[in-house]
Amino acid sequence: MYGKCGSSVDARRVFDAMRSPTVVCWNSVIAAYGQNGNVNEALLLLLQMQQKGMEPDSITFVSILTACTSLGALTEGKVIHANIIAAGLVRDVTVGNSLVNMYGKCKSVNDARRVFDEMRIRNVVSWTVMIAAYCQNGHGKKALELFLQMQEGGVKPDNITYLTILDACAGLVALAEGKVIHASIVSSGLESDVVVGNSLINMYGKCGSPLNARRVFEKMCLRNVVSWTSVITAYGQNGNYKEALELFWQMQQEGLTLDIVTFVTILDTCGNLAALTEGKVIHALIVASGLESNDTVCNALINMYGKCGSLQDARTVFDKMPQRDVVLWATMIAAYSQN
């Protein structure tokens, strides 16, 4: 409880008061440190645990690897890997998956692949984390190759796998491959998953196919603010600014709560259209939403007004900001230079 509440000190106090802590108790306090980013403390506890003759189990190692992953602590992660080998747990599929994930997040793809290749048993998570490791480190083609191997091996992708590989297609602007994966999603019955649908829209938009993005959007039984924002972005990315603006007004009529990403996206559209009147209406919506003081939104407003040739409005937004970072100053200067 204390660990999940961010109080590893209290968790340690309870642990130290125990006369004969079990492996479960050791795991709990190690996890508490891991959850709060104290990797070194977790490692010290692991050492103490071993010195007292307690054998760490898969849960122990997964807890510490999770901390290494979140902190990008590669050196500590390799120490844990050596401990896992010594403990004879390297063949545990959950531990193996955690190692692959840790190495991927720590930008050590070759180590991730080495662990993956050495795994005797692999499940859908194993394949997905390895594909994700490639995607996270700019190896989109290798991610696609591995996805095909996964399917050829008879392993059924899940929604997380599809989200990961669609991201790879978007990064590579691989429309043909994206369409093949879309067909696989349909046959898997996952097209109705709202998160998968949003990812498909994003992929089609980045691959220069807003019509396909719109087709996915129209077929969705459930749509959230991300769905609407994704299809608006797909139009905007491909120069279809009027369609993007029309969709934004439809979205507003649906009564959805507009978020920062939605506003930034549509303000960029207004700027590209030099649609000052629409931009001012959207500005009023932003004020009503209480987001006018948000740095990202403010920056988008100044950019929009600058592109629309309304320097006075841009300067008013700029002057109202209580704090201004270098990005805000640069945007305001750019607005002046454009006019």
C-alpha atoms as a PDB file:
ATOM      1  CA  MET A   1       0.000   0.000   0.000  1.00  0.00           C
ATOM      2  CA  TYR A   2       2.726   2.477   1.032  1.00  0.00           C
ATOM      3  CA  GLY A   3       4.725   1.731  -2.127  1.00  0.00           C
ATOM      4  CA  LYS A   4       1.787   2.410  -4.412  1.00  0.00           C
ATOM      5  CA  CYS A   5       1.080   5.610  -2.492  1.00  0.00           C
ATOM      6  CA  GLY A   6       4.621   6.826  -3.153  1.00  0.00           C
ATOM      7  CA  SER A   7       5.956   6.299   0.362  1.00  0.00           C
ATOM      8  CA  SER A   8       8.804   3.782   0.105  1.00  0.00           C
ATOM      9  CA  VAL A   9      10.157   5.056   3.459  1.00  0.00           C
ATOM     10  CA  ASP A  10       6.986   3.963   5.272  1.00  0.00           C
ATOM     11  CA  ALA A  11       7.006   0.672   3.390  1.00  0.00           C
ATOM     12  CA  ARG A  12      10.600   0.104   4.553  1.00  0.00           C
ATOM     13  CA  ARG A  13       9.684   0.952   8.151  1.00  0.00           C
ATOM     14  CA  VAL A  14       6.965  -1.708   8.155  1.00  0.00           C
ATOM     15  CA  PHE A  15       9.346  -4.200   6.535  1.00  0.00           C
ATOM     16  CA  ASP A  16      12.155  -3.563   9.045  1.00  0.00           C
ATOM     17  CA  ALA A  17       9.737  -4.227  11.918  1.00  0.00           C
ATOM     18  CA  MET A  18       9.131  -7.778  10.677  1.00  0.00           C
ATOM     19  CA  ARG A  19      10.978 -10.570  12.491  1.00  0.00           C
ATOM     20  CA  SER A  20      11.021 -13.128   9.667  1.00  0.00           C
ATOM     21  CA  PRO A  21       9.990 -11.565   6.376  1.00  0.00           C
ATOM     22  CA  THR A  22       8.959 -14.017   3.653  1.00  0.00           C
ATOM     23  CA  VAL A  23       9.847 -13.782  -0.041  1.00  0.00           C
ATOM     24  CA  VAL A  24       6.504 -12.047  -0.566  1.00  0.00           C
ATOM     25  CA  CYS A  25       7.484  -9.383   1.999  1.00  0.00           C
ATOM     26  CA  TRP A  26      10.871  -8.868   0.346  1.00  0.00           C
ATOM     27  CA  ASN A  27       9.169  -8.581  -3.037  1.00  0.00           C
ATOM     28  CA  SER A  28       6.725  -6.010  -1.692  1.00  0.00           C
ATOM     29  CA  VAL A  29       9.387  -3.669  -0.306  1.00  0.00           C
ATOM     30  CA  ILE A  30      11.599  -4.105  -3.393  1.00  0.00           C
ATOM     31  CA  ALA A  31       8.571  -3.270  -5.544  1.00  0.00           C
ATOM     32  CA  ALA A  32       7.895  -0.214  -3.364  1.00  0.00           C
ATOM     33  CA  TYR A  33      11.382   1.113  -4.089  1.00  0.00           C
ATOM     34  CA  GLY A  34      11.067   0.207  -7.759  1.00  0.00           C
ATOM     35  CA  GLN A  35       7.714   1.929  -8.148  1.00  0.00           C
ATOM     36  CA  ASN A  36       9.200   5.118  -6.738  1.00  0.00           C
ATOM     37  CA  GLY A  37      12.328   5.132  -8.894  1.00  0.00           C
ATOM     38  CA  ASN A  38      14.792   4.020  -6.193  1.00  0.00           C
ATOM     39  CA  VAL A  39      16.579   1.412  -8.305  1.00  0.00           C
ATOM     40  CA  ASN A  40      19.787   1.428  -6.251  1.00  0.00           C
ATOM     41  CA  GLU A  41      17.865   0.845  -3.015  1.00  0.00           C
ATOM     42  CA  ALA A  42      15.984  -1.996  -4.698  1.00  0.00           C
ATOM     43  CA  LEU A  43      19.296  -3.519  -5.803  1.00  0.00           C
ATOM     44  CA  LEU A  44      20.726  -3.251  -2.276  1.00  0.00           C
ATOM     45  CA  LEU A  45      17.656  -4.997  -0.897  1.00  0.00           C
ATOM     46  CA  LEU A  46      18.049  -7.749  -3.490  1.00  0.00           C
ATOM     47  CA  LEU A  47      21.632  -8.256  -2.303  1.00  0.00           C
ATOM     48  CA  GLN A  48      20.530  -8.343   1.350  1.00  0.00           C
ATOM     49  CA  MET A  49      17.783 -10.777   0.470  1.00  0.00           C
ATOM     50  CA  GLN A  50      20.305 -13.141  -1.117  1.00  0.00           C
ATOM     51  CA  GLN A  51      22.760 -12.761   1.781  1.00  0.00           C
ATOM     52  CA  LYS A  52      20.020 -13.874   4.172  1.00  0.00           C
ATOM     53  CA  GLY A  53      19.552 -17.047   2.157  1.00  0.00           C
ATOM     54  CA  MET A  54      16.263 -15.984   0.553  1.00  0.00           C
ATOM     55  CA  GLU A  55      15.915 -16.917  -3.101  1.00  0.00           C
ATOM     56  CA  PRO A  56      14.468 -14.166  -5.345  1.00  0.00           C
ATOM     57  CA  ASP A  57      11.651 -15.319  -7.616  1.00  0.00           C
ATOM     58  CA  SER A  58      10.317 -14.048 -10.921  1.00  0.00           C
ATOM     59  CA  ILE A  59       8.229 -11.379  -9.177  1.00  0.00           C
ATOM     60  CA  THR A  60      11.333  -9.997  -7.467  1.00  0.00           C
ATOM     61  CA  PHE A  61      13.179  -9.547 -10.732  1.00  0.00           C
ATOM     62  CA  VAL A  62      10.207  -8.231 -12.701  1.00  0.00           C
ATOM     63  CA  SER A  63       9.694  -5.551 -10.021  1.00  0.00           C
ATOM     64  CA  ILE A  64      13.292  -4.311 -10.263  1.00  0.00           C
ATOM     65  CA  LEU A  65      13.356  -4.532 -14.070  1.00  0.00           C
ATOM     66  CA  THR A  66      10.228  -2.359 -14.189  1.00  0.00           C
ATOM     67  CA  ALA A  67      12.090   0.318 -12.248  1.00  0.00           C
ATOM     68  CA  CYS A  68      15.142   0.038 -14.533  1.00  0.00           C
ATOM     69  CA  THR A  69      12.841   0.355 -17.541  1.00  0.00           C
ATOM     70  CA  SER A  70      11.114   3.519 -16.326  1.00  0.00           C
ATOM     71  CA  LEU A  71      14.444   5.177 -15.484  1.00  0.00           C
ATOM     72  CA  GLY A  72      16.358   3.990 -18.550  1.00  0.00           C
ATOM     73  CA  ALA A  73      18.891   2.429 -16.155  1.00  0.00           C
ATOM     74  CA  LEU A  74      20.767   0.127 -18.551  1.00  0.00           C
ATOM     75  CA  THR A  75      23.784  -0.567 -16.329  1.00  0.00           C
ATOM     76  CA  GLU A  76      21.592  -1.606 -13.397  1.00  0.00           C
ATOM     77  CA  GLY A  77      19.414  -3.612 -15.767  1.00  0.00           C
ATOM     78  CA  LYS A  78      22.431  -5.628 -16.906  1.00  0.00           C
ATOM     79  CA  VAL A  79      23.321  -6.342 -13.279  1.00  0.00           C
ATOM     80  CA  ILE A  80      19.795  -7.663 -12.742  1.00  0.00           C
ATOM     81  CA  HIS A  81      20.089  -9.745 -15.915  1.00  0.00           C
ATOM     82  CA  ALA A  82      23.238 -11.402 -14.514  1.00  0.00           C
ATOM     83  CA  ASN A  83      21.370 -12.118 -11.258  1.00  0.00           C
ATOM     84  CA  ILE A  84      18.488 -13.652 -13.223  1.00  0.00           C
ATOM     85  CA  ILE A  85      20.896 -16.004 -15.015  1.00  0.00           C
ATOM     86  CA  ALA A  86      22.494 -16.967 -11.696  1.00  0.00           C
ATOM     87  CA  ALA A  87      19.054 -17.653 -10.213  1.00  0.00           C
ATOM     88  CA  GLY A  88      18.139 -19.909 -13.140  1.00  0.00           C
ATOM     89  CA  LEU A  89      15.110 -17.811 -14.079  1.00  0.00           C
ATOM     90  CA  VAL A  90      16.213 -16.656 -17.508  1.00  0.00           C
ATOM     91  CA  ARG A  91      13.825 -19.147 -19.163  1.00  0.00           C
ATOM     92  CA  ASP A  92      10.804 -17.775 -17.307  1.00  0.00           C
ATOM     93  CA  VAL A  93       8.673 -16.176 -20.032  1.00  0.00           C
ATOM     94  CA  THR A  94       7.499 -13.270 -17.854  1.00  0.00           C
ATOM     95  CA  VAL A  95      11.067 -12.477 -16.799  1.00  0.00           C
ATOM     96  CA  GLY A  96      12.228 -12.777 -20.402  1.00  0.00           C
ATOM     97  CA  ASN A  97       9.529 -10.384 -21.566  1.00  0.00           C
ATOM     98  CA  SER A  98      10.554  -7.894 -18.879  1.00  0.00           C
ATOM     99  CA  LEU A  99      14.192  -8.133 -19.980  1.00  0.00           C
ATOM    100  CA  VAL A 100      13.305  -7.513 -23.629  1.00  0.00           C
ATOM    101  CA  ASN A 101      11.147  -4.555 -22.626  1.00  0.00           C
ATOM    102  CA  MET A 102      13.876  -3.137 -20.373  1.00  0.00           C
ATOM    103  CA  TYR A 103      16.565  -3.383 -23.037  1.00  0.00           C
ATOM    104  CA  GLY A 104      14.266  -1.845 -25.643  1.00  0.00           C
ATOM    105  CA  LYS A 105      13.363   1.114 -23.435  1.00  0.00           C
ATOM    106  CA  CYS A 106      17.056   1.521 -22.508  1.00  0.00           C
ATOM    107  CA  LYS A 107      17.912   1.754 -26.242  1.00  0.00           C
ATOM    108  CA  SER A 108      19.868  -1.489 -26.337  1.00  0.00           C
ATOM    109  CA  VAL A 109      18.044  -3.256 -29.166  1.00  0.00           C
ATOM    110  CA  ASN A 110      20.722  -5.858 -29.814  1.00  0.00           C
ATOM    111  CA  ASP A 111      20.526  -7.021 -26.195  1.00  0.00           C
ATOM    112  CA  ALA A 112      16.726  -7.113 -26.439  1.00  0.00           C
ATOM    113  CA  ARG A 113      16.915  -9.270 -29.568  1.00  0.00           C
ATOM    114  CA  ARG A 114      19.519 -11.559 -27.975  1.00  0.00           C
ATOM    115  CA  VAL A 115      17.208 -12.227 -25.024  1.00  0.00           C
ATOM    116  CA  PHE A 116      14.252 -12.717 -27.371  1.00  0.00           C
ATOM    117  CA  ASP A 117      16.144 -15.214 -29.563  1.00  0.00           C
ATOM    118  CA  GLU A 118      17.270 -17.187 -26.503  1.00  0.00           C
ATOM    119  CA  MET A 119      13.731 -17.575 -25.164  1.00  0.00           C
ATOM    120  CA  ARG A 120      12.532 -21.166 -25.543  1.00  0.00           C
ATOM    121  CA  ILE A 121       8.919 -20.205 -24.942  1.00  0.00           C
ATOM    122  CA  ARG A 122       7.488 -17.000 -26.390  1.00  0.00           C
ATOM    123  CA  ASN A 123       3.945 -15.692 -26.049  1.00  0.00           C
ATOM    124  CA  VAL A 124       2.191 -12.784 -27.739  1.00  0.00           C
ATOM    125  CA  VAL A 125       3.707 -10.406 -25.172  1.00  0.00           C
ATOM    126  CA  SER A 126       7.226 -11.596 -26.075  1.00  0.00           C
ATOM    127  CA  TRP A 127       6.716 -10.810 -29.754  1.00  0.00           C
ATOM    128  CA  THR A 128       4.986  -7.501 -29.012  1.00  0.00           C
ATOM    129  CA  VAL A 129       7.684  -6.156 -26.685  1.00  0.00           C
ATOM    130  CA  MET A 130      10.386  -7.078 -29.221  1.00  0.00           C
ATOM    131  CA  ILE A 131       8.456  -5.375 -32.025  1.00  0.00           C
ATOM    132  CA  ALA A 132       8.011  -2.366 -29.731  1.00  0.00           C
ATOM    133  CA  ALA A 133      11.770  -2.337 -28.996  1.00  0.00           C
ATOM    134  CA  TYR A 134      12.443  -1.987 -32.713  1.00  0.00           C
ATOM    135  CA  CYS A 135       9.797   0.724 -33.121  1.00  0.00           C
ATOM    136  CA  GLN A 136      11.038   2.729 -30.122  1.00  0.00           C
ATOM    137  CA  ASN A 137      14.547   2.797 -31.547  1.00  0.00           C
ATOM    138  CA  GLY A 138      13.791   3.726 -35.133  1.00  0.00           C
ATOM    139  CA  HIS A 139      13.958   0.240 -36.666  1.00  0.00           C
ATOM    140  CA  GLY A 140      10.524   0.221 -38.280  1.00  0.00           C
ATOM    141  CA  LYS A 141      11.472  -2.195 -41.083  1.00  0.00           C
ATOM    142  CA  LYS A 142      12.779  -4.766 -38.624  1.00  0.00           C
ATOM    143  CA  ALA A 143       9.574  -4.360 -36.614  1.00  0.00           C
ATOM    144  CA  LEU A 144       7.526  -5.150 -39.719  1.00  0.00           C
ATOM    145  CA  GLU A 145       9.711  -8.142 -40.553  1.00  0.00           C
ATOM    146  CA  LEU A 146       9.290  -9.508 -37.046  1.00  0.00           C
ATOM    147  CA  PHE A 147       5.529  -8.964 -37.171  1.00  0.00           C
ATOM    148  CA  LEU A 148       5.370 -11.082 -40.339  1.00  0.00           C
ATOM    149  CA  GLN A 149       7.470 -13.797 -38.644  1.00  0.00           C
ATOM    150  CA  MET A 150       5.064 -13.687 -35.717  1.00  0.00           C
ATOM    151  CA  GLN A 151       2.096 -14.329 -37.979  1.00  0.00           C
ATOM    152  CA  GLU A 152       3.929 -17.026 -39.940  1.00  0.00           C
ATOM    153  CA  GLY A 153       4.681 -18.727 -36.621  1.00  0.00           C
ATOM    154  CA  GLY A 154       0.977 -18.917 -35.845  1.00  0.00           C
ATOM    155  CA  VAL A 155       1.049 -16.447 -32.960  1.00  0.00           C
ATOM    156  CA  LYS A 156      -2.147 -14.385 -32.906  1.00  0.00           C
ATOM    157  CA  PRO A 157      -1.501 -10.631 -32.460  1.00  0.00           C
ATOM    158  CA  ASP A 158      -3.547  -8.795 -29.835  1.00  0.00           C
ATOM    159  CA  ASN A 159      -4.660  -5.171 -29.749  1.00  0.00           C
ATOM    160  CA  ILE A 160      -1.336  -4.027 -28.242  1.00  0.00           C
ATOM    161  CA  THR A 161       0.588  -5.768 -31.036  1.00  0.00           C
ATOM    162  CA  TYR A 162      -1.525  -4.013 -33.651  1.00  0.00           C
ATOM    163  CA  LEU A 163      -1.104  -0.620 -31.996  1.00  0.00           C
ATOM    164  CA  THR A 164       2.654  -1.123 -31.988  1.00  0.00           C
ATOM    165  CA  ILE A 165       2.973  -2.242 -35.605  1.00  0.00           C
ATOM    166  CA  LEU A 166       0.588   0.442 -36.888  1.00  0.00           C
ATOM    167  CA  ASP A 167       2.878   2.991 -35.252  1.00  0.00           C
ATOM    168  CA  ALA A 168       5.765   1.451 -37.212  1.00  0.00           C
ATOM    169  CA  CYS A 169       3.798   1.756 -40.467  1.00  0.00           C
ATOM    170  CA  ALA A 170       3.004   5.393 -39.698  1.00  0.00           C
ATOM    171  CA  GLY A 171       6.665   6.148 -39.034  1.00  0.00           C
ATOM    172  CA  LEU A 172       7.752   4.455 -42.261  1.00  0.00           C
ATOM    173  CA  VAL A 173       4.860   5.912 -44.302  1.00  0.00           C
ATOM    174  CA  ALA A 174       4.246   2.289 -45.282  1.00  0.00           C
ATOM    175  CA  LEU A 175       0.720   2.517 -46.672  1.00  0.00           C
ATOM    176  CA  ALA A 176       0.701  -0.859 -48.445  1.00  0.00           C
ATOM    177  CA  GLU A 177       1.830  -2.698 -45.313  1.00  0.00           C
ATOM    178  CA  GLY A 178      -0.618  -0.679 -43.225  1.00  0.00           C
ATOM    179  CA  LYS A 179      -3.486  -1.827 -45.434  1.00  0.00           C
ATOM    180  CA  VAL A 180      -2.429  -5.470 -45.048  1.00  0.00           C
ATOM    181  CA  ILE A 181      -2.340  -5.048 -41.263  1.00  0.00           C
ATOM    182  CA  HIS A 182      -5.758  -3.349 -41.410  1.00  0.00           C
ATOM    183  CA  ALA A 183      -7.128  -6.438 -43.174  1.00  0.00           C
ATOM    184  CA  SER A 184      -5.614  -8.619 -40.436  1.00  0.00           C
ATOM    185  CA  ILE A 185      -7.264  -6.443 -37.786  1.00  0.00           C
ATOM    186  CA  VAL A 186     -10.642  -6.852 -39.478  1.00  0.00           C
ATOM    187  CA  SER A 187     -10.252 -10.633 -39.642  1.00  0.00           C
ATOM    188  CA  SER A 188      -9.251 -10.671 -35.961  1.00  0.00           C
ATOM    189  CA  GLY A 189     -12.452  -8.854 -35.008  1.00  0.00           C
ATOM    190  CA  LEU A 190     -10.539  -5.976 -33.427  1.00  0.00           C
ATOM    191  CA  GLU A 191     -11.641  -3.204 -35.786  1.00  0.00           C
ATOM    192  CA  SER A 192     -14.366  -2.206 -33.306  1.00  0.00           C
ATOM    193  CA  ASP A 193     -11.748  -1.546 -30.589  1.00  0.00           C
ATOM    194  CA  VAL A 194     -11.738   2.254 -30.270  1.00  0.00           C
ATOM    195  CA  VAL A 195      -8.008   2.464 -29.523  1.00  0.00           C
ATOM    196  CA  VAL A 196      -7.147   0.278 -32.525  1.00  0.00           C
ATOM    197  CA  GLY A 197      -9.493   2.362 -34.680  1.00  0.00           C
ATOM    198  CA  ASN A 198      -7.774   5.558 -33.538  1.00  0.00           C
ATOM    199  CA  SER A 199      -4.393   4.031 -34.379  1.00  0.00           C
ATOM    200  CA  LEU A 200      -5.622   3.086 -37.863  1.00  0.00           C
ATOM    201  CA  ILE A 201      -6.806   6.655 -38.460  1.00  0.00           C
ATOM    202  CA  ASN A 202      -3.424   7.978 -37.318  1.00  0.00           C
ATOM    203  CA  MET A 203      -1.571   5.528 -39.586  1.00  0.00           C
ATOM    204  CA  TYR A 204      -3.635   6.419 -42.663  1.00  0.00           C
ATOM    205  CA  GLY A 205      -3.237  10.122 -41.977  1.00  0.00           C
ATOM    206  CA  LYS A 206       0.549   9.880 -41.714  1.00  0.00           C
ATOM    207  CA  CYS A 207       0.657   7.685 -44.806  1.00  0.00           C
ATOM    208  CA  GLY A 208      -1.092  10.401 -46.842  1.00  0.00           C
ATOM    209  CA  SER A 209      -4.472   8.685 -47.114  1.00  0.00           C
ATOM    210  CA  PRO A 210      -7.069  10.871 -45.346  1.00  0.00           C
ATOM    211  CA  LEU A 211      -9.924   9.186 -47.235  1.00  0.00           C
ATOM    212  CA  ASN A 212      -9.033   5.820 -45.709  1.00  0.00           C
ATOM    213  CA  ALA A 213      -8.690   7.521 -42.337  1.00  0.00           C
ATOM    214  CA  ARG A 214     -12.188   8.962 -42.742  1.00  0.00           C
ATOM    215  CA  ARG A 215     -13.553   5.574 -43.824  1.00  0.00           C
ATOM    216  CA  VAL A 216     -12.253   3.973 -40.598  1.00  0.00           C
ATOM    217  CA  PHE A 217     -13.678   6.863 -38.583  1.00  0.00           C
ATOM    218  CA  GLU A 218     -17.139   6.529 -40.141  1.00  0.00           C
ATOM    219  CA  LYS A 219     -17.229   2.783 -39.411  1.00  0.00           C
ATOM    220  CA  MET A 220     -16.431   3.202 -35.721  1.00  0.00           C
ATOM    221  CA  CYS A 221     -19.366   2.348 -33.447  1.00  0.00           C
ATOM    222  CA  LEU A 222     -17.750   4.249 -30.577  1.00  0.00           C
ATOM    223  CA  ARG A 223     -15.712   7.425 -30.983  1.00  0.00           C
ATOM    224  CA  ASN A 224     -13.912   9.420 -28.332  1.00  0.00           C
ATOM    225  CA  VAL A 225     -12.136  12.775 -28.428  1.00  0.00           C
ATOM    226  CA  VAL A 226      -8.987  11.040 -29.715  1.00  0.00           C
ATOM    227  CA  SER A 227     -10.949   9.567 -32.659  1.00  0.00           C
ATOM    228  CA  TRP A 228     -12.187  12.992 -33.719  1.00  0.00           C
ATOM    229  CA  THR A 229      -8.833  14.663 -33.189  1.00  0.00           C
ATOM    230  CA  SER A 230      -7.038  11.922 -35.143  1.00  0.00           C
ATOM    231  CA  VAL A 231      -9.229  12.280 -38.226  1.00  0.00           C
ATOM    232  CA  ILE A 232      -9.070  16.097 -38.038  1.00  0.00           C
ATOM    233  CA  THR A 233      -5.281  15.768 -37.862  1.00  0.00           C
ATOM    234  CA  ALA A 234      -5.299  13.340 -40.814  1.00  0.00           C
ATOM    235  CA  TYR A 235      -7.047  15.957 -42.955  1.00  0.00           C
ATOM    236  CA  GLY A 236      -4.813  18.763 -41.709  1.00  0.00           C
ATOM    237  CA  GLN A 237      -1.587  16.810 -42.311  1.00  0.00           C
ATOM    238  CA  ASN A 238      -2.570  16.312 -45.926  1.00  0.00           C
ATOM    239  CA  GLY A 239      -3.671  19.858 -46.725  1.00  0.00           C
ATOM    240  CA  ASN A 240      -7.421  19.213 -46.486  1.00  0.00           C
ATOM    241  CA  TYR A 241      -7.944  22.138 -44.140  1.00  0.00           C
ATOM    242  CA  LYS A 242     -11.582  22.873 -44.964  1.00  0.00           C
ATOM    243  CA  GLU A 243     -12.579  19.265 -44.268  1.00  0.00           C
ATOM    244  CA  ALA A 244     -10.666  19.413 -40.983  1.00  0.00           C
ATOM    245  CA  LEU A 245     -12.521  22.548 -39.937  1.00  0.00           C
ATOM    246  CA  GLU A 246     -15.891  21.082 -40.901  1.00  0.00           C
ATOM    247  CA  LEU A 247     -15.168  18.004 -38.787  1.00  0.00           C
ATOM    248  CA  PHE A 248     -14.189  20.180 -35.843  1.00  0.00           C
ATOM    249  CA  TRP A 249     -17.577  21.934 -35.884  1.00  0.00           C
ATOM    250  CA  GLN A 250     -19.315  18.529 -36.094  1.00  0.00           C
ATOM    251  CA  MET A 251     -17.259  17.375 -33.130  1.00  0.00           C
ATOM    252  CA  GLN A 252     -18.334  20.375 -31.105  1.00  0.00           C
ATOM    253  CA  GLN A 253     -21.975  19.717 -31.949  1.00  0.00           C
ATOM    254  CA  GLU A 254     -21.557  16.180 -30.583  1.00  0.00           C
ATOM    255  CA  GLY A 255     -20.921  17.750 -27.168  1.00  0.00           C
ATOM    256  CA  LEU A 256     -17.480  16.220 -26.644  1.00  0.00           C
ATOM    257  CA  THR A 257     -15.073  17.907 -24.233  1.00  0.00           C
ATOM    258  CA  LEU A 258     -12.312  19.368 -26.378  1.00  0.00           C
ATOM    259  CA  ASP A 259      -8.770  18.874 -25.117  1.00  0.00           C
ATOM    260  CA  ILE A 260      -5.418  20.575 -25.673  1.00  0.00           C
ATOM    261  CA  VAL A 261      -4.457  18.375 -28.636  1.00  0.00           C
ATOM    262  CA  THR A 262      -7.760  19.090 -30.389  1.00  0.00           C
ATOM    263  CA  PHE A 263      -7.388  22.843 -29.982  1.00  0.00           C
ATOM    264  CA  VAL A 264      -3.739  22.889 -31.092  1.00  0.00           C
ATOM    265  CA  THR A 265      -4.623  20.802 -34.157  1.00  0.00           C
ATOM    266  CA  ILE A 266      -7.521  22.979 -35.267  1.00  0.00           C
ATOM    267  CA  LEU A 267      -5.660  26.232 -34.576  1.00  0.00           C
ATOM    268  CA  ASP A 268      -2.946  25.028 -36.952  1.00  0.00           C
ATOM    269  CA  THR A 269      -5.654  24.384 -39.536  1.00  0.00           C
ATOM    270  CA  CYS A 270      -7.068  27.902 -39.074  1.00  0.00           C
ATOM    271  CA  GLY A 271      -3.584  29.338 -39.494  1.00  0.00           C
ATOM    272  CA  ASN A 272      -3.007  27.427 -42.717  1.00  0.00           C
ATOM    273  CA  LEU A 273      -6.378  28.603 -44.041  1.00  0.00           C
ATOM    274  CA  ALA A 274      -5.809  32.160 -42.781  1.00  0.00           C
ATOM    275  CA  ALA A 275      -9.285  31.695 -41.258  1.00  0.00           C
ATOM    276  CA  LEU A 276      -9.194  34.532 -38.733  1.00  0.00           C
ATOM    277  CA  THR A 277     -12.936  34.591 -37.971  1.00  0.00           C
ATOM    278  CA  GLU A 278     -13.029  30.852 -37.218  1.00  0.00           C
ATOM    279  CA  GLY A 279      -9.808  31.172 -35.244  1.00  0.00           C
ATOM    280  CA  LYS A 280     -11.350  33.827 -32.996  1.00  0.00           C
ATOM    281  CA  VAL A 281     -14.396  31.618 -32.361  1.00  0.00           C
ATOM    282  CA  ILE A 282     -12.077  28.763 -31.388  1.00  0.00           C
ATOM    283  CA  HIS A 283     -10.135  31.181 -29.164  1.00  0.00           C
ATOM    284  CA  ALA A 284     -13.380  31.939 -27.336  1.00  0.00           C
ATOM    285  CA  LEU A 285     -13.973  28.195 -26.866  1.00  0.00           C
ATOM    286  CA  ILE A 286     -10.468  27.868 -25.437  1.00  0.00           C
ATOM    287  CA  VAL A 287     -11.152  30.662 -22.938  1.00  0.00           C
ATOM    288  CA  ALA A 288     -14.428  28.977 -21.962  1.00  0.00           C
ATOM    289  CA  SER A 289     -12.538  25.703 -21.463  1.00  0.00           C
ATOM    290  CA  GLY A 290     -10.035  27.365 -19.140  1.00  0.00           C
ATOM    291  CA  LEU A 291      -7.074  26.448 -21.349  1.00  0.00           C
ATOM    292  CA  GLU A 292      -5.939  29.909 -22.456  1.00  0.00           C
ATOM    293  CA  SER A 293      -3.029  29.952 -20.015  1.00  0.00           C
ATOM    294  CA  ASN A 294      -1.686  26.590 -21.207  1.00  0.00           C
ATOM    295  CA  ASP A 295       1.729  27.123 -22.834  1.00  0.00           C
ATOM    296  CA  THR A 296       1.077  24.796 -25.760  1.00  0.00           C
ATOM    297  CA  VAL A 297      -2.349  26.286 -26.511  1.00  0.00           C
ATOM    298  CA  CYS A 298      -1.033  29.825 -26.120  1.00  0.00           C
ATOM    299  CA  ASN A 299       1.788  29.071 -28.535  1.00  0.00           C
ATOM    300  CA  ALA A 300      -0.718  27.694 -31.070  1.00  0.00           C
ATOM    301  CA  LEU A 301      -2.907  30.791 -30.690  1.00  0.00           C
ATOM    302  CA  ILE A 302      -0.009  33.168 -31.356  1.00  0.00           C
ATOM    303  CA  ASN A 303       1.039  31.056 -34.342  1.00  0.00           C
ATOM    304  CA  MET A 304      -2.516  31.082 -35.719  1.00  0.00           C
ATOM    305  CA  TYR A 305      -2.940  34.842 -35.316  1.00  0.00           C
ATOM    306  CA  GLY A 306       0.461  35.417 -36.897  1.00  0.00           C
ATOM    307  CA  LYS A 307      -0.442  33.343 -39.962  1.00  0.00           C
ATOM    308  CA  CYS A 308      -3.787  35.152 -40.180  1.00  0.00           C
ATOM    309  CA  GLY A 309      -2.014  38.535 -40.178  1.00  0.00           C
ATOM    310  CA  SER A 310      -3.488  39.668 -36.857  1.00  0.00           C
ATOM    311  CA  LEU A 311      -0.421  40.781 -34.925  1.00  0.00           C
ATOM    312  CA  GLN A 312      -2.423  42.728 -32.354  1.00  0.00           C
ATOM    313  CA  ASP A 313      -4.339  39.585 -31.316  1.00  0.00           C
ATOM    314  CA  ALA A 314      -1.105  37.576 -31.263  1.00  0.00           C
ATOM    315  CA  ARG A 315       0.535  40.174 -29.026  1.00  0.00           C
ATOM    316  CA  THR A 316      -2.486  40.297 -26.705  1.00  0.00           C
ATOM    317  CA  VAL A 317      -2.241  36.546 -26.135  1.00  0.00           C
ATOM    318  CA  PHE A 318       1.512  36.844 -25.606  1.00  0.00           C
ATOM    319  CA  ASP A 319       1.215  39.715 -23.113  1.00  0.00           C
ATOM    320  CA  LYS A 320      -1.401  37.861 -21.052  1.00  0.00           C
ATOM    321  CA  MET A 321       0.932  34.965 -20.350  1.00  0.00           C
ATOM    322  CA  PRO A 322       2.304  35.212 -16.784  1.00  0.00           C
ATOM    323  CA  GLN A 323       5.413  33.253 -17.777  1.00  0.00           C
ATOM    324  CA  ARG A 324       6.991  32.982 -21.202  1.00  0.00           C
ATOM    325  CA  ASP A 325       9.482  30.342 -22.287  1.00  0.00           C
ATOM    326  CA  VAL A 326      11.861  30.483 -25.256  1.00  0.00           C
ATOM    327  CA  VAL A 327       9.322  28.736 -27.534  1.00  0.00           C
ATOM    328  CA  LEU A 328       6.703  31.401 -26.839  1.00  0.00           C
ATOM    329  CA  TRP A 329       9.171  34.210 -27.554  1.00  0.00           C
ATOM    330  CA  ALA A 330      10.271  32.503 -30.782  1.00  0.00           C
ATOM    331  CA  THR A 331       6.654  32.115 -31.946  1.00  0.00           C
ATOM    332  CA  MET A 332       5.890  35.762 -31.255  1.00  0.00           C
ATOM    333  CA  ILE A 333       9.020  36.870 -33.100  1.00  0.00           C
ATOM    334  CA  ALA A 334       8.071  34.583 -36.011  1.00  0.00           C
ATOM    335  CA  ALA A 335       4.619  36.195 -36.105  1.00  0.00           C
ATOM    336  CA  TYR A 336       6.242  39.621 -36.539  1.00  0.00           C
ATOM    337  CA  SER A 337       8.623  38.352 -39.216  1.00  0.00           C
ATOM    338  CA  GLN A 338       5.721  36.802 -41.198  1.00  0.00           C
ATOM    339  CA  ASN A 339       3.981  40.149 -41.361  1.00  0.00           C
END
